[in-house]
Amino acid sequence: MQDQCFFNRYQRLLVIFRKMKILLASTAVSVLFSTLAGAAPITQTFEGVTVANPSQPAALNSEFPAGTRWILDVAWDDASPTLDASPTQAGYRLTTLTLTLEGTSGDWSSSSVMDKAAFGLLRTDGYHEVQFTSGWGPADHTEQTIGAFSVISINLTLGDPTGTAIDALTPAPGQFDTADFNLSLSQSYLKFYLNNEGTQFIFGGLGDNPVGDPDLSVSEKGGDTLRSGVSTLRFKPVKIGKRGRKTILTVGNSGFGNLSGLDVKLSGPGRRDFLVSSKGSGIVAPGGTRSIEVVFSPKRSGNRLATLDILSNDPDTPVFSVSLKGKAKAKR
């Protein structure tokens, strides 16, 4: 009797085991199929030219002078899992990252070794960014030297100061659309590091001809970045004939060429109710700034409206316009 019970239990266990094997095999096939079915390579090609910068090694100037064309090919799989994620950023692995520089003696190309390249999405208040990067160090590249210099890292950054390019922080890689980023902005660039300290590098801009292209930006001192034709400066009420507190604007140059031809003009019905003065050099070098002071000093009562135009040689925004609004209080 005991032998029969043991045999019956054994048979039941054997049936369960067989069912588990079938289930596990079915699950494995299902996972493999879904992985293959979901895989969809996404490819992007970026082009631009190198730009002059004092940190480029002199030994490379003759081979890769300013204006040297470069091409960067990247690819990723939209089924790839997120490498990392946080409240402000997410990272994904690239399957391809290849840079080609068209040197004077011929093309020079380097690729990141498999599984080293990645792209990351960064989302902060008012600024979004994507970075395509290779691994860090010569061992992470198929070509470990260029001339006498070690290949340390390849980095392409696409910047979006409008803060609207990334709707969600961690979209699937296949949903990521580089068309949302304005490639003409000088916040987008290629940087090709040649030493560990990051003091020797080849710098490149996106687009057909970014060489010498300045990029004007305007922000309130300690405040937000302004948008041409959109932003409004509001001044506290001031009595007629009096002067209010100064509002200081910072004009910056985030481009590659000198920002020049700076001038300020007032227009509109309340143009005589605002005072504008500019301080600093007439030329703003890349990375430099200059201050503009605006004061509300009304001559007539009521709401006073005007437009401040900032003129420069920025080819993308030759006239940067900001609305001015203040209220004048009658004398007592």
C-alpha atoms as a PDB file:
ATOM      1  CA  MET A   1       0.000   0.000   0.000  1.00  0.00           C
ATOM      2  CA  GLN A   2       2.794   2.392   0.892  1.00  0.00           C
ATOM      3  CA  ASP A   3       4.595   1.492  -2.338  1.00  0.00           C
ATOM      4  CA  GLN A   4       1.446   2.327  -4.349  1.00  0.00           C
ATOM      5  CA  CYS A   5       1.042   5.742  -2.647  1.00  0.00           C
ATOM      6  CA  PHE A   6       4.678   6.522  -3.278  1.00  0.00           C
ATOM      7  CA  PHE A   7       4.266   5.551  -6.930  1.00  0.00           C
ATOM      8  CA  ASN A   8       1.175   7.754  -7.325  1.00  0.00           C
ATOM      9  CA  ARG A   9       2.994  10.752  -5.794  1.00  0.00           C
ATOM     10  CA  TYR A  10       5.942  10.119  -8.079  1.00  0.00           C
ATOM     11  CA  GLN A  11       3.661  10.106 -11.123  1.00  0.00           C
ATOM     12  CA  ARG A  12       2.018  13.406 -10.100  1.00  0.00           C
ATOM     13  CA  LEU A  13       5.426  15.046  -9.549  1.00  0.00           C
ATOM     14  CA  LEU A  14       6.596  13.794 -12.931  1.00  0.00           C
ATOM     15  CA  VAL A  15       3.546  15.352 -14.651  1.00  0.00           C
ATOM     16  CA  ILE A  16       4.129  18.660 -12.846  1.00  0.00           C
ATOM     17  CA  PHE A  17       7.808  18.623 -13.809  1.00  0.00           C
ATOM     18  CA  ARG A  18       6.959  17.986 -17.466  1.00  0.00           C
ATOM     19  CA  LYS A  19       4.464  20.868 -17.454  1.00  0.00           C
ATOM     20  CA  MET A  20       7.088  23.174 -15.913  1.00  0.00           C
ATOM     21  CA  LYS A  21       9.611  22.230 -18.614  1.00  0.00           C
ATOM     22  CA  ILE A  22       7.054  22.997 -21.332  1.00  0.00           C
ATOM     23  CA  LEU A  23       6.145  26.297 -19.651  1.00  0.00           C
ATOM     24  CA  LEU A  24       9.796  27.340 -19.225  1.00  0.00           C
ATOM     25  CA  ALA A  25      10.607  26.448 -22.845  1.00  0.00           C
ATOM     26  CA  SER A  26       7.556  28.342 -24.062  1.00  0.00           C
ATOM     27  CA  THR A  27       8.502  31.392 -21.978  1.00  0.00           C
ATOM     28  CA  ALA A  28      12.074  31.363 -23.311  1.00  0.00           C
ATOM     29  CA  VAL A  29      10.845  31.225 -26.924  1.00  0.00           C
ATOM     30  CA  SER A  30       8.327  33.986 -26.207  1.00  0.00           C
ATOM     31  CA  VAL A  31      10.994  36.231 -24.665  1.00  0.00           C
ATOM     32  CA  LEU A  32      13.381  35.581 -27.557  1.00  0.00           C
ATOM     33  CA  PHE A  33      10.660  36.284 -30.123  1.00  0.00           C
ATOM     34  CA  SER A  34       9.557  39.489 -28.411  1.00  0.00           C
ATOM     35  CA  THR A  35      13.172  40.646 -28.198  1.00  0.00           C
ATOM     36  CA  LEU A  36      13.767  40.001 -31.886  1.00  0.00           C
ATOM     37  CA  ALA A  37      10.409  41.470 -32.877  1.00  0.00           C
ATOM     38  CA  GLY A  38      10.963  44.612 -30.777  1.00  0.00           C
ATOM     39  CA  ALA A  39      14.483  45.255 -32.013  1.00  0.00           C
ATOM     40  CA  ALA A  40      14.541  48.232 -34.368  1.00  0.00           C
ATOM     41  CA  PRO A  41      17.883  49.913 -35.067  1.00  0.00           C
ATOM     42  CA  ILE A  42      17.712  53.699 -35.024  1.00  0.00           C
ATOM     43  CA  THR A  43      20.431  55.528 -36.966  1.00  0.00           C
ATOM     44  CA  GLN A  44      21.482  59.171 -37.022  1.00  0.00           C
ATOM     45  CA  THR A  45      24.197  60.964 -38.980  1.00  0.00           C
ATOM     46  CA  PHE A  46      25.551  64.327 -37.875  1.00  0.00           C
ATOM     47  CA  GLU A  47      27.845  66.545 -39.932  1.00  0.00           C
ATOM     48  CA  GLY A  48      29.764  69.744 -39.329  1.00  0.00           C
ATOM     49  CA  VAL A  49      33.201  71.330 -39.497  1.00  0.00           C
ATOM     50  CA  THR A  50      35.967  71.924 -37.019  1.00  0.00           C
ATOM     51  CA  VAL A  51      36.291  75.378 -35.508  1.00  0.00           C
ATOM     52  CA  ALA A  52      39.370  77.264 -34.438  1.00  0.00           C
ATOM     53  CA  ASN A  53      40.158  77.191 -30.739  1.00  0.00           C
ATOM     54  CA  PRO A  54      43.398  77.869 -28.853  1.00  0.00           C
ATOM     55  CA  SER A  55      43.363  74.448 -27.171  1.00  0.00           C
ATOM     56  CA  GLN A  56      43.710  72.515 -30.412  1.00  0.00           C
ATOM     57  CA  PRO A  57      47.261  71.111 -30.516  1.00  0.00           C
ATOM     58  CA  ALA A  58      49.467  72.973 -32.983  1.00  0.00           C
ATOM     59  CA  ALA A  59      50.623  69.663 -34.448  1.00  0.00           C
ATOM     60  CA  LEU A  60      47.088  69.037 -35.707  1.00  0.00           C
ATOM     61  CA  ASN A  61      46.404  72.469 -37.193  1.00  0.00           C
ATOM     62  CA  SER A  62      47.918  71.622 -40.551  1.00  0.00           C
ATOM     63  CA  GLU A  63      46.088  68.289 -40.756  1.00  0.00           C
ATOM     64  CA  PHE A  64      42.726  69.433 -39.352  1.00  0.00           C
ATOM     65  CA  PRO A  65      42.495  73.229 -39.773  1.00  0.00           C
ATOM     66  CA  ALA A  66      39.331  75.151 -38.964  1.00  0.00           C
ATOM     67  CA  GLY A  67      36.704  74.178 -41.524  1.00  0.00           C
ATOM     68  CA  THR A  68      37.689  70.498 -41.668  1.00  0.00           C
ATOM     69  CA  ARG A  69      34.579  68.454 -42.377  1.00  0.00           C
ATOM     70  CA  TRP A  70      33.560  65.753 -39.898  1.00  0.00           C
ATOM     71  CA  ILE A  71      30.836  63.087 -39.897  1.00  0.00           C
ATOM     72  CA  LEU A  72      29.519  61.209 -36.863  1.00  0.00           C
ATOM     73  CA  ASP A  73      27.367  58.096 -37.316  1.00  0.00           C
ATOM     74  CA  VAL A  74      25.431  56.739 -34.337  1.00  0.00           C
ATOM     75  CA  ALA A  75      22.936  53.898 -33.965  1.00  0.00           C
ATOM     76  CA  TRP A  76      21.026  52.257 -31.150  1.00  0.00           C
ATOM     77  CA  ASP A  77      18.328  49.634 -30.611  1.00  0.00           C
ATOM     78  CA  ASP A  78      14.982  50.943 -29.414  1.00  0.00           C
ATOM     79  CA  ALA A  79      14.440  47.703 -27.469  1.00  0.00           C
ATOM     80  CA  SER A  80      17.554  48.264 -25.382  1.00  0.00           C
ATOM     81  CA  PRO A  81      16.893  48.738 -21.672  1.00  0.00           C
ATOM     82  CA  THR A  82      17.734  51.986 -19.924  1.00  0.00           C
ATOM     83  CA  LEU A  83      21.288  51.941 -18.565  1.00  0.00           C
ATOM     84  CA  ASP A  84      20.456  54.326 -15.757  1.00  0.00           C
ATOM     85  CA  ALA A  85      17.749  56.777 -14.817  1.00  0.00           C
ATOM     86  CA  SER A  86      17.194  59.507 -12.262  1.00  0.00           C
ATOM     87  CA  PRO A  87      14.712  62.351 -11.801  1.00  0.00           C
ATOM     88  CA  THR A  88      16.737  64.486 -14.233  1.00  0.00           C
ATOM     89  CA  GLN A  89      18.482  62.137 -16.667  1.00  0.00           C
ATOM     90  CA  ALA A  90      18.486  58.787 -18.426  1.00  0.00           C
ATOM     91  CA  GLY A  91      21.136  56.830 -20.333  1.00  0.00           C
ATOM     92  CA  TYR A  92      21.016  54.324 -23.191  1.00  0.00           C
ATOM     93  CA  ARG A  93      23.678  52.227 -24.934  1.00  0.00           C
ATOM     94  CA  LEU A  94      24.724  52.947 -28.512  1.00  0.00           C
ATOM     95  CA  THR A  95      25.520  50.098 -30.880  1.00  0.00           C
ATOM     96  CA  THR A  96      27.528  52.323 -33.246  1.00  0.00           C
ATOM     97  CA  LEU A  97      29.547  55.507 -32.815  1.00  0.00           C
ATOM     98  CA  THR A  98      31.982  56.290 -35.635  1.00  0.00           C
ATOM     99  CA  LEU A  99      33.716  59.617 -36.255  1.00  0.00           C
ATOM    100  CA  THR A 100      35.342  60.499 -39.588  1.00  0.00           C
ATOM    101  CA  LEU A 101      37.563  63.564 -39.976  1.00  0.00           C
ATOM    102  CA  GLU A 102      38.423  64.601 -43.542  1.00  0.00           C
ATOM    103  CA  GLY A 103      42.041  65.637 -43.006  1.00  0.00           C
ATOM    104  CA  THR A 104      44.256  67.318 -45.579  1.00  0.00           C
ATOM    105  CA  SER A 105      46.194  64.075 -46.142  1.00  0.00           C
ATOM    106  CA  GLY A 106      43.073  61.887 -46.208  1.00  0.00           C
ATOM    107  CA  ASP A 107      40.211  60.651 -44.079  1.00  0.00           C
ATOM    108  CA  TRP A 108      40.851  59.619 -40.473  1.00  0.00           C
ATOM    109  CA  SER A 109      38.257  57.533 -38.675  1.00  0.00           C
ATOM    110  CA  SER A 110      37.760  56.094 -35.188  1.00  0.00           C
ATOM    111  CA  SER A 111      34.967  54.036 -33.666  1.00  0.00           C
ATOM    112  CA  SER A 112      34.069  53.280 -30.098  1.00  0.00           C
ATOM    113  CA  VAL A 113      34.523  49.645 -29.150  1.00  0.00           C
ATOM    114  CA  MET A 114      31.372  47.592 -28.641  1.00  0.00           C
ATOM    115  CA  ASP A 115      29.262  48.351 -25.559  1.00  0.00           C
ATOM    116  CA  LYS A 116      31.292  51.423 -24.588  1.00  0.00           C
ATOM    117  CA  ALA A 117      29.391  54.141 -26.431  1.00  0.00           C
ATOM    118  CA  ALA A 118      26.206  55.590 -24.952  1.00  0.00           C
ATOM    119  CA  PHE A 119      23.858  58.541 -25.173  1.00  0.00           C
ATOM    120  CA  GLY A 120      22.302  60.330 -22.250  1.00  0.00           C
ATOM    121  CA  LEU A 121      19.276  62.584 -21.930  1.00  0.00           C
ATOM    122  CA  LEU A 122      19.514  65.467 -19.460  1.00  0.00           C
ATOM    123  CA  ARG A 123      16.480  67.494 -18.436  1.00  0.00           C
ATOM    124  CA  THR A 124      16.771  70.548 -16.209  1.00  0.00           C
ATOM    125  CA  ASP A 125      14.704  73.685 -15.738  1.00  0.00           C
ATOM    126  CA  GLY A 126      14.769  75.606 -18.997  1.00  0.00           C
ATOM    127  CA  TYR A 127      17.421  73.450 -20.662  1.00  0.00           C
ATOM    128  CA  HIS A 128      17.423  70.012 -22.245  1.00  0.00           C
ATOM    129  CA  GLU A 129      20.427  68.188 -23.656  1.00  0.00           C
ATOM    130  CA  VAL A 130      21.480  64.926 -25.270  1.00  0.00           C
ATOM    131  CA  GLN A 131      25.061  63.682 -25.331  1.00  0.00           C
ATOM    132  CA  PHE A 132      26.429  60.977 -27.620  1.00  0.00           C
ATOM    133  CA  THR A 133      29.702  59.775 -26.076  1.00  0.00           C
ATOM    134  CA  SER A 134      32.316  57.098 -26.590  1.00  0.00           C
ATOM    135  CA  GLY A 135      34.153  55.356 -23.787  1.00  0.00           C
ATOM    136  CA  TRP A 136      36.887  57.211 -21.937  1.00  0.00           C
ATOM    137  CA  GLY A 137      40.438  56.170 -22.745  1.00  0.00           C
ATOM    138  CA  PRO A 138      42.409  54.865 -25.754  1.00  0.00           C
ATOM    139  CA  ALA A 139      41.431  51.241 -25.027  1.00  0.00           C
ATOM    140  CA  ASP A 140      37.795  52.138 -25.754  1.00  0.00           C
ATOM    141  CA  HIS A 141      38.540  53.155 -29.373  1.00  0.00           C
ATOM    142  CA  THR A 142      39.375  51.186 -32.501  1.00  0.00           C
ATOM    143  CA  GLU A 143      42.056  53.769 -33.403  1.00  0.00           C
ATOM    144  CA  GLN A 144      43.948  54.640 -30.234  1.00  0.00           C
ATOM    145  CA  THR A 145      46.008  57.545 -31.556  1.00  0.00           C
ATOM    146  CA  ILE A 146      45.770  60.460 -33.949  1.00  0.00           C
ATOM    147  CA  GLY A 147      49.234  61.643 -34.842  1.00  0.00           C
ATOM    148  CA  ALA A 148      51.166  61.615 -31.585  1.00  0.00           C
ATOM    149  CA  PHE A 149      48.053  62.054 -29.434  1.00  0.00           C
ATOM    150  CA  SER A 150      45.977  59.464 -27.602  1.00  0.00           C
ATOM    151  CA  VAL A 151      42.284  59.225 -28.403  1.00  0.00           C
ATOM    152  CA  ILE A 152      40.498  59.763 -25.080  1.00  0.00           C
ATOM    153  CA  SER A 153      36.847  60.484 -25.850  1.00  0.00           C
ATOM    154  CA  ILE A 154      34.416  61.557 -28.567  1.00  0.00           C
ATOM    155  CA  ASN A 155      31.508  63.670 -27.402  1.00  0.00           C
ATOM    156  CA  LEU A 156      28.657  65.177 -29.419  1.00  0.00           C
ATOM    157  CA  THR A 157      26.299  67.436 -27.453  1.00  0.00           C
ATOM    158  CA  LEU A 158      22.934  68.674 -28.705  1.00  0.00           C
ATOM    159  CA  GLY A 159      21.550  71.482 -26.601  1.00  0.00           C
ATOM    160  CA  ASP A 160      18.020  72.836 -26.356  1.00  0.00           C
ATOM    161  CA  PRO A 161      17.784  75.987 -24.212  1.00  0.00           C
ATOM    162  CA  THR A 162      14.044  76.248 -24.912  1.00  0.00           C
ATOM    163  CA  GLY A 163      13.458  73.320 -22.566  1.00  0.00           C
ATOM    164  CA  THR A 164      10.835  71.693 -24.812  1.00  0.00           C
ATOM    165  CA  ALA A 165      12.748  68.990 -26.673  1.00  0.00           C
ATOM    166  CA  ILE A 166      12.129  66.164 -24.197  1.00  0.00           C
ATOM    167  CA  ASP A 167       8.460  65.651 -23.364  1.00  0.00           C
ATOM    168  CA  ALA A 168       9.160  62.801 -20.952  1.00  0.00           C
ATOM    169  CA  LEU A 169      12.423  62.113 -19.179  1.00  0.00           C
ATOM    170  CA  THR A 170      12.831  58.445 -20.027  1.00  0.00           C
ATOM    171  CA  PRO A 171      11.261  57.699 -23.413  1.00  0.00           C
ATOM    172  CA  ALA A 172      12.166  54.478 -25.170  1.00  0.00           C
ATOM    173  CA  PRO A 173      15.240  55.171 -27.310  1.00  0.00           C
ATOM    174  CA  GLY A 174      13.188  54.628 -30.448  1.00  0.00           C
ATOM    175  CA  GLN A 175      10.921  57.508 -29.449  1.00  0.00           C
ATOM    176  CA  PHE A 176      13.822  59.914 -29.073  1.00  0.00           C
ATOM    177  CA  ASP A 177      13.771  62.420 -31.941  1.00  0.00           C
ATOM    178  CA  THR A 178      16.855  64.552 -32.552  1.00  0.00           C
ATOM    179  CA  ALA A 179      14.743  66.774 -34.802  1.00  0.00           C
ATOM    180  CA  ASP A 180      13.371  68.288 -31.593  1.00  0.00           C
ATOM    181  CA  PHE A 181      16.786  69.853 -31.008  1.00  0.00           C
ATOM    182  CA  ASN A 182      17.783  72.967 -32.918  1.00  0.00           C
ATOM    183  CA  LEU A 183      21.028  71.903 -34.568  1.00  0.00           C
ATOM    184  CA  SER A 184      21.863  75.477 -35.546  1.00  0.00           C
ATOM    185  CA  LEU A 185      22.295  76.441 -31.908  1.00  0.00           C
ATOM    186  CA  SER A 186      25.896  76.834 -30.848  1.00  0.00           C
ATOM    187  CA  GLN A 187      25.115  74.795 -27.729  1.00  0.00           C
ATOM    188  CA  SER A 188      25.378  71.819 -30.101  1.00  0.00           C
ATOM    189  CA  TYR A 189      28.945  70.765 -30.831  1.00  0.00           C
ATOM    190  CA  LEU A 190      31.487  67.998 -31.248  1.00  0.00           C
ATOM    191  CA  LYS A 191      34.390  67.752 -28.831  1.00  0.00           C
ATOM    192  CA  PHE A 192      37.132  65.234 -29.456  1.00  0.00           C
ATOM    193  CA  TYR A 193      39.405  64.853 -26.409  1.00  0.00           C
ATOM    194  CA  LEU A 194      43.049  63.936 -26.894  1.00  0.00           C
ATOM    195  CA  ASN A 195      44.376  63.842 -23.333  1.00  0.00           C
ATOM    196  CA  ASN A 196      43.188  63.035 -19.830  1.00  0.00           C
ATOM    197  CA  GLU A 197      43.197  66.627 -18.629  1.00  0.00           C
ATOM    198  CA  GLY A 198      40.833  67.722 -21.384  1.00  0.00           C
ATOM    199  CA  THR A 199      43.170  70.593 -22.315  1.00  0.00           C
ATOM    200  CA  GLN A 200      43.928  69.242 -25.793  1.00  0.00           C
ATOM    201  CA  PHE A 201      40.967  68.706 -28.051  1.00  0.00           C
ATOM    202  CA  ILE A 202      39.513  69.228 -31.495  1.00  0.00           C
ATOM    203  CA  PHE A 203      36.368  71.325 -31.447  1.00  0.00           C
ATOM    204  CA  GLY A 204      33.607  71.194 -34.051  1.00  0.00           C
ATOM    205  CA  GLY A 205      30.281  72.834 -34.715  1.00  0.00           C
ATOM    206  CA  LEU A 206      27.150  71.429 -36.320  1.00  0.00           C
ATOM    207  CA  GLY A 207      25.704  72.595 -39.595  1.00  0.00           C
ATOM    208  CA  ASP A 208      27.148  73.633 -42.915  1.00  0.00           C
ATOM    209  CA  ASN A 209      29.236  76.596 -41.765  1.00  0.00           C
ATOM    210  CA  PRO A 210      29.381  77.188 -38.009  1.00  0.00           C
ATOM    211  CA  VAL A 211      32.886  78.679 -38.178  1.00  0.00           C
ATOM    212  CA  GLY A 212      32.957  82.146 -36.635  1.00  0.00           C
ATOM    213  CA  ASP A 213      29.249  82.081 -35.860  1.00  0.00           C
ATOM    214  CA  PRO A 214      28.433  84.053 -32.675  1.00  0.00           C
ATOM    215  CA  ASP A 215      25.295  83.320 -30.688  1.00  0.00           C
ATOM    216  CA  LEU A 216      23.675  86.060 -28.582  1.00  0.00           C
ATOM    217  CA  SER A 217      21.798  85.215 -25.393  1.00  0.00           C
ATOM    218  CA  VAL A 218      20.033  87.620 -23.019  1.00  0.00           C
ATOM    219  CA  SER A 219      19.118  86.989 -19.394  1.00  0.00           C
ATOM    220  CA  GLU A 220      18.077  88.953 -16.333  1.00  0.00           C
ATOM    221  CA  LYS A 221      20.773  89.237 -13.712  1.00  0.00           C
ATOM    222  CA  GLY A 222      20.240  86.251 -11.468  1.00  0.00           C
ATOM    223  CA  GLY A 223      17.079  85.412 -13.398  1.00  0.00           C
ATOM    224  CA  ASP A 224      15.726  83.546 -16.391  1.00  0.00           C
ATOM    225  CA  THR A 225      16.980  83.488 -19.947  1.00  0.00           C
ATOM    226  CA  LEU A 226      14.861  85.757 -22.137  1.00  0.00           C
ATOM    227  CA  ARG A 227      13.304  84.805 -25.479  1.00  0.00           C
ATOM    228  CA  SER A 228      13.269  87.247 -28.356  1.00  0.00           C
ATOM    229  CA  GLY A 229       9.786  88.434 -29.262  1.00  0.00           C
ATOM    230  CA  VAL A 230       8.291  86.554 -26.318  1.00  0.00           C
ATOM    231  CA  SER A 231       9.721  87.832 -23.023  1.00  0.00           C
ATOM    232  CA  THR A 232       8.475  90.936 -21.194  1.00  0.00           C
ATOM    233  CA  LEU A 233      10.290  92.983 -18.534  1.00  0.00           C
ATOM    234  CA  ARG A 234       7.823  94.363 -15.971  1.00  0.00           C
ATOM    235  CA  PHE A 235       8.794  97.335 -13.819  1.00  0.00           C
ATOM    236  CA  LYS A 236       7.346  98.366 -10.470  1.00  0.00           C
ATOM    237  CA  PRO A 237       5.124 101.501 -10.405  1.00  0.00           C
ATOM    238  CA  VAL A 238       7.056 104.795 -10.351  1.00  0.00           C
ATOM    239  CA  LYS A 239       5.861 108.375  -9.916  1.00  0.00           C
ATOM    240  CA  ILE A 240       6.047 110.627 -12.949  1.00  0.00           C
ATOM    241  CA  GLY A 241       9.431 112.324 -13.134  1.00  0.00           C
ATOM    242  CA  LYS A 242      11.108 109.808 -10.804  1.00  0.00           C
ATOM    243  CA  ARG A 243      13.402 106.908 -11.594  1.00  0.00           C
ATOM    244  CA  GLY A 244      12.805 103.309 -10.584  1.00  0.00           C
ATOM    245  CA  ARG A 245      15.390 100.670  -9.753  1.00  0.00           C
ATOM    246  CA  LYS A 246      17.764  99.513 -12.464  1.00  0.00           C
ATOM    247  CA  THR A 247      17.105  96.218 -14.228  1.00  0.00           C
ATOM    248  CA  ILE A 248      20.350  94.655 -15.394  1.00  0.00           C
ATOM    249  CA  LEU A 249      20.396  92.414 -18.456  1.00  0.00           C
ATOM    250  CA  THR A 250      23.338  90.171 -19.251  1.00  0.00           C
ATOM    251  CA  VAL A 251      24.187  89.745 -22.924  1.00  0.00           C
ATOM    252  CA  GLY A 252      26.250  86.615 -23.496  1.00  0.00           C
ATOM    253  CA  ASN A 253      27.982  84.985 -26.443  1.00  0.00           C
ATOM    254  CA  SER A 254      27.726  81.205 -26.433  1.00  0.00           C
ATOM    255  CA  GLY A 255      28.876  80.917 -30.052  1.00  0.00           C
ATOM    256  CA  PHE A 256      32.279  80.366 -31.652  1.00  0.00           C
ATOM    257  CA  GLY A 257      32.915  83.804 -33.184  1.00  0.00           C
ATOM    258  CA  ASN A 258      33.110  87.309 -31.737  1.00  0.00           C
ATOM    259  CA  LEU A 259      29.797  89.049 -31.086  1.00  0.00           C
ATOM    260  CA  SER A 260      30.033  92.590 -32.435  1.00  0.00           C
ATOM    261  CA  GLY A 261      27.916  95.478 -33.732  1.00  0.00           C
ATOM    262  CA  LEU A 262      26.062  95.586 -30.412  1.00  0.00           C
ATOM    263  CA  ASP A 263      23.563  98.405 -30.179  1.00  0.00           C
ATOM    264  CA  VAL A 264      20.321  99.093 -28.308  1.00  0.00           C
ATOM    265  CA  LYS A 265      17.216 100.913 -29.548  1.00  0.00           C
ATOM    266  CA  LEU A 266      13.858 101.788 -28.003  1.00  0.00           C
ATOM    267  CA  SER A 267      10.580 101.945 -29.891  1.00  0.00           C
ATOM    268  CA  GLY A 268       6.882 102.051 -29.111  1.00  0.00           C
ATOM    269  CA  PRO A 269       4.539 104.596 -27.507  1.00  0.00           C
ATOM    270  CA  GLY A 270       6.422 104.613 -24.201  1.00  0.00           C
ATOM    271  CA  ARG A 271       9.961 104.709 -25.598  1.00  0.00           C
ATOM    272  CA  ARG A 272      10.688 108.021 -23.826  1.00  0.00           C
ATOM    273  CA  ASP A 273       9.659 106.529 -20.476  1.00  0.00           C
ATOM    274  CA  PHE A 274      12.617 104.117 -20.349  1.00  0.00           C
ATOM    275  CA  LEU A 275      16.346 104.781 -20.133  1.00  0.00           C
ATOM    276  CA  VAL A 276      18.838 102.273 -21.550  1.00  0.00           C
ATOM    277  CA  SER A 277      22.618 102.214 -21.215  1.00  0.00           C
ATOM    278  CA  SER A 278      25.178  99.618 -22.211  1.00  0.00           C
ATOM    279  CA  LYS A 279      28.396  98.851 -20.338  1.00  0.00           C
ATOM    280  CA  GLY A 280      31.411  96.893 -21.471  1.00  0.00           C
ATOM    281  CA  SER A 281      33.430  96.276 -24.596  1.00  0.00           C
ATOM    282  CA  GLY A 282      31.874  96.663 -28.031  1.00  0.00           C
ATOM    283  CA  ILE A 283      33.036  93.123 -28.856  1.00  0.00           C
ATOM    284  CA  VAL A 284      31.986  90.091 -26.796  1.00  0.00           C
ATOM    285  CA  ALA A 285      34.306  87.121 -27.254  1.00  0.00           C
ATOM    286  CA  PRO A 286      32.979  83.538 -27.114  1.00  0.00           C
ATOM    287  CA  GLY A 287      31.988  82.839 -23.518  1.00  0.00           C
ATOM    288  CA  GLY A 288      32.048  86.546 -22.628  1.00  0.00           C
ATOM    289  CA  THR A 289      29.269  88.829 -21.395  1.00  0.00           C
ATOM    290  CA  ARG A 290      28.211  92.462 -21.420  1.00  0.00           C
ATOM    291  CA  SER A 291      25.674  94.329 -19.266  1.00  0.00           C
ATOM    292  CA  ILE A 292      22.712  96.462 -20.320  1.00  0.00           C
ATOM    293  CA  GLU A 293      20.886  98.616 -17.762  1.00  0.00           C
ATOM    294  CA  VAL A 294      17.219  99.514 -18.163  1.00  0.00           C
ATOM    295  CA  VAL A 295      15.479 102.095 -15.947  1.00  0.00           C
ATOM    296  CA  PHE A 296      11.793 103.024 -15.875  1.00  0.00           C
ATOM    297  CA  SER A 297      11.465 106.812 -15.648  1.00  0.00           C
ATOM    298  CA  PRO A 298       7.931 107.752 -16.807  1.00  0.00           C
ATOM    299  CA  LYS A 299       7.048 111.088 -18.338  1.00  0.00           C
ATOM    300  CA  ARG A 300       3.311 110.397 -18.588  1.00  0.00           C
ATOM    301  CA  SER A 301       0.794 108.603 -16.352  1.00  0.00           C
ATOM    302  CA  GLY A 302      -0.789 105.226 -16.929  1.00  0.00           C
ATOM    303  CA  ASN A 303       0.609 102.015 -18.378  1.00  0.00           C
ATOM    304  CA  ARG A 304       3.732 102.686 -20.408  1.00  0.00           C
ATOM    305  CA  LEU A 305       4.777 100.207 -23.111  1.00  0.00           C
ATOM    306  CA  ALA A 306       7.929 100.034 -25.216  1.00  0.00           C
ATOM    307  CA  THR A 307      10.176  97.581 -27.062  1.00  0.00           C
ATOM    308  CA  LEU A 308      13.894  97.157 -26.463  1.00  0.00           C
ATOM    309  CA  ASP A 309      15.818  95.930 -29.526  1.00  0.00           C
ATOM    310  CA  ILE A 310      19.341  94.553 -29.073  1.00  0.00           C
ATOM    311  CA  LEU A 311      21.210  94.523 -32.383  1.00  0.00           C
ATOM    312  CA  SER A 312      24.286  92.417 -33.137  1.00  0.00           C
ATOM    313  CA  ASN A 313      26.006  90.349 -35.818  1.00  0.00           C
ATOM    314  CA  ASP A 314      24.334  87.130 -34.611  1.00  0.00           C
ATOM    315  CA  PRO A 315      23.139  85.672 -37.955  1.00  0.00           C
ATOM    316  CA  ASP A 316      20.298  83.742 -36.292  1.00  0.00           C
ATOM    317  CA  THR A 317      18.935  86.660 -34.227  1.00  0.00           C
ATOM    318  CA  PRO A 318      20.272  89.958 -35.621  1.00  0.00           C
ATOM    319  CA  VAL A 319      17.560  91.823 -33.676  1.00  0.00           C
ATOM    320  CA  PHE A 320      16.692  90.527 -30.204  1.00  0.00           C
ATOM    321  CA  SER A 321      13.428  92.136 -29.026  1.00  0.00           C
ATOM    322  CA  VAL A 322      12.144  92.410 -25.450  1.00  0.00           C
ATOM    323  CA  SER A 323       8.893  94.099 -24.388  1.00  0.00           C
ATOM    324  CA  LEU A 324       9.023  96.686 -21.575  1.00  0.00           C
ATOM    325  CA  LYS A 325       6.036  97.409 -19.364  1.00  0.00           C
ATOM    326  CA  GLY A 326       5.665  99.835 -16.465  1.00  0.00           C
ATOM    327  CA  LYS A 327       2.957 101.841 -14.683  1.00  0.00           C
ATOM    328  CA  ALA A 328       3.384 105.527 -13.908  1.00  0.00           C
ATOM    329  CA  LYS A 329       1.783 107.021 -10.810  1.00  0.00           C
ATOM    330  CA  ALA A 330       0.543 110.622 -10.873  1.00  0.00           C
ATOM    331  CA  LYS A 331       2.310 113.263  -8.769  1.00  0.00           C
ATOM    332  CA  ARG A 332       0.675 114.370  -5.525  1.00  0.00           C
END
